[in-house]
């Protein structure tokens, strides 16, 4: 279960990172130094990816335990 959790977290974080990069926010935010924007993108992708992964794992756990109701 822990291996599935780690893989799920990394997968969803990577998906969120690719999705946020596809928005091309650097076009709309003009900064001399783009490093703060890149840091915000990484932190935002970790936050979104971890939240989505936690939801997915919680949903899968609920589906597994659904059989105990019957």
C-alpha atoms as a PDB file:
ATOM      1  CA  UNK A   1       0.000   0.000   0.000  1.00  0.00           C
ATOM      2  CA  UNK A   2       2.840   2.417   0.784  1.00  0.00           C
ATOM      3  CA  UNK A   3       4.418   1.843  -2.627  1.00  0.00           C
ATOM      4  CA  UNK A   4       1.085   2.614  -4.296  1.00  0.00           C
ATOM      5  CA  UNK A   5       0.818   5.800  -2.220  1.00  0.00           C
ATOM      6  CA  UNK A   6       4.292   7.002  -3.234  1.00  0.00           C
ATOM      7  CA  UNK A   7       3.716   6.224  -6.902  1.00  0.00           C
ATOM      8  CA  UNK A   8       0.314   7.921  -6.818  1.00  0.00           C
ATOM      9  CA  UNK A   9       1.695  11.069  -5.191  1.00  0.00           C
ATOM     10  CA  UNK A  10       4.530  11.375  -7.715  1.00  0.00           C
ATOM     11  CA  UNK A  11       2.245  10.662 -10.656  1.00  0.00           C
ATOM     12  CA  UNK A  12      -0.347  13.248  -9.670  1.00  0.00           C
ATOM     13  CA  UNK A  13       2.328  15.840  -8.854  1.00  0.00           C
ATOM     14  CA  UNK A  14       3.893  15.294 -12.282  1.00  0.00           C
ATOM     15  CA  UNK A  15       0.492  15.596 -13.975  1.00  0.00           C
ATOM     16  CA  UNK A  16      -0.251  18.811 -12.099  1.00  0.00           C
ATOM     17  CA  UNK A  17       3.179  20.206 -12.995  1.00  0.00           C
ATOM     18  CA  UNK A  18       2.693  19.497 -16.696  1.00  0.00           C
ATOM     19  CA  UNK A  19      -0.816  20.947 -16.563  1.00  0.00           C
ATOM     20  CA  UNK A  20       0.295  24.161 -14.865  1.00  0.00           C
ATOM     21  CA  UNK A  21       3.226  24.563 -17.265  1.00  0.00           C
ATOM     22  CA  UNK A  22       0.858  24.261 -20.213  1.00  0.00           C
ATOM     23  CA  UNK A  23      -0.921  27.413 -19.007  1.00  0.00           C
ATOM     24  CA  UNK A  24       2.224  29.422 -19.896  1.00  0.00           C
ATOM     25  CA  UNK A  25       1.871  31.836 -16.977  1.00  0.00           C
ATOM     26  CA  UNK A  26       5.251  33.419 -17.790  1.00  0.00           C
ATOM     27  CA  UNK A  27       3.566  35.185 -20.705  1.00  0.00           C
ATOM     28  CA  UNK A  28       1.180  37.030 -18.409  1.00  0.00           C
ATOM     29  CA  UNK A  29       3.529  37.768 -15.516  1.00  0.00           C
ATOM     30  CA  UNK A  30       6.471  39.889 -16.551  1.00  0.00           C
ATOM     31  CA  UNK A  31       9.304  39.690 -14.062  1.00  0.00           C
ATOM     32  CA  UNK A  32      12.989  40.450 -14.434  1.00  0.00           C
ATOM     33  CA  UNK A  33      13.783  37.216 -12.683  1.00  0.00           C
ATOM     34  CA  UNK A  34      11.518  34.234 -13.409  1.00  0.00           C
ATOM     35  CA  UNK A  35      12.793  32.137 -10.473  1.00  0.00           C
ATOM     36  CA  UNK A  36      10.003  33.154  -8.047  1.00  0.00           C
ATOM     37  CA  UNK A  37       7.394  32.212 -10.650  1.00  0.00           C
ATOM     38  CA  UNK A  38       9.023  28.816 -11.167  1.00  0.00           C
ATOM     39  CA  UNK A  39       9.031  28.223  -7.419  1.00  0.00           C
ATOM     40  CA  UNK A  40       5.338  29.116  -7.219  1.00  0.00           C
ATOM     41  CA  UNK A  41       4.581  26.711 -10.071  1.00  0.00           C
ATOM     42  CA  UNK A  42       6.442  23.877  -8.333  1.00  0.00           C
ATOM     43  CA  UNK A  43       4.763  24.537  -4.979  1.00  0.00           C
ATOM     44  CA  UNK A  44       1.336  24.828  -6.599  1.00  0.00           C
ATOM     45  CA  UNK A  45       1.816  21.582  -8.500  1.00  0.00           C
ATOM     46  CA  UNK A  46       2.864  19.777  -5.301  1.00  0.00           C
ATOM     47  CA  UNK A  47      -0.207  21.119  -3.506  1.00  0.00           C
ATOM     48  CA  UNK A  48      -2.642  20.217  -6.277  1.00  0.00           C
ATOM     49  CA  UNK A  49      -0.996  16.867  -7.011  1.00  0.00           C
ATOM     50  CA  UNK A  50      -0.922  15.808  -3.363  1.00  0.00           C
ATOM     51  CA  UNK A  51      -4.558  16.817  -2.861  1.00  0.00           C
ATOM     52  CA  UNK A  52      -5.720  14.924  -5.947  1.00  0.00           C
ATOM     53  CA  UNK A  53      -3.656  11.884  -5.000  1.00  0.00           C
ATOM     54  CA  UNK A  54      -5.058  11.873  -1.468  1.00  0.00           C
ATOM     55  CA  UNK A  55      -8.580  12.064  -2.865  1.00  0.00           C
ATOM     56  CA  UNK A  56      -7.865   9.218  -5.295  1.00  0.00           C
ATOM     57  CA  UNK A  57      -6.353   6.999  -2.587  1.00  0.00           C
ATOM     58  CA  UNK A  58      -9.198   7.766  -0.196  1.00  0.00           C
ATOM     59  CA  UNK A  59     -11.719   6.932  -2.896  1.00  0.00           C
ATOM     60  CA  UNK A  60      -9.975   3.646  -3.669  1.00  0.00           C
ATOM     61  CA  UNK A  61      -9.893   2.778   0.027  1.00  0.00           C
ATOM     62  CA  UNK A  62     -13.610   3.517   0.318  1.00  0.00           C
ATOM     63  CA  UNK A  63     -14.368   1.283  -2.674  1.00  0.00           C
ATOM     64  CA  UNK A  64     -12.385  -1.556  -1.096  1.00  0.00           C
ATOM     65  CA  UNK A  65     -14.233  -1.170   2.202  1.00  0.00           C
ATOM     66  CA  UNK A  66     -17.598  -0.889   0.453  1.00  0.00           C
ATOM     67  CA  UNK A  67     -17.805  -4.675   0.303  1.00  0.00           C
ATOM     68  CA  UNK A  68     -18.025  -4.805   4.110  1.00  0.00           C
ATOM     69  CA  UNK A  69     -21.407  -3.083   3.977  1.00  0.00           C
ATOM     70  CA  UNK A  70     -22.977  -5.898   1.989  1.00  0.00           C
END
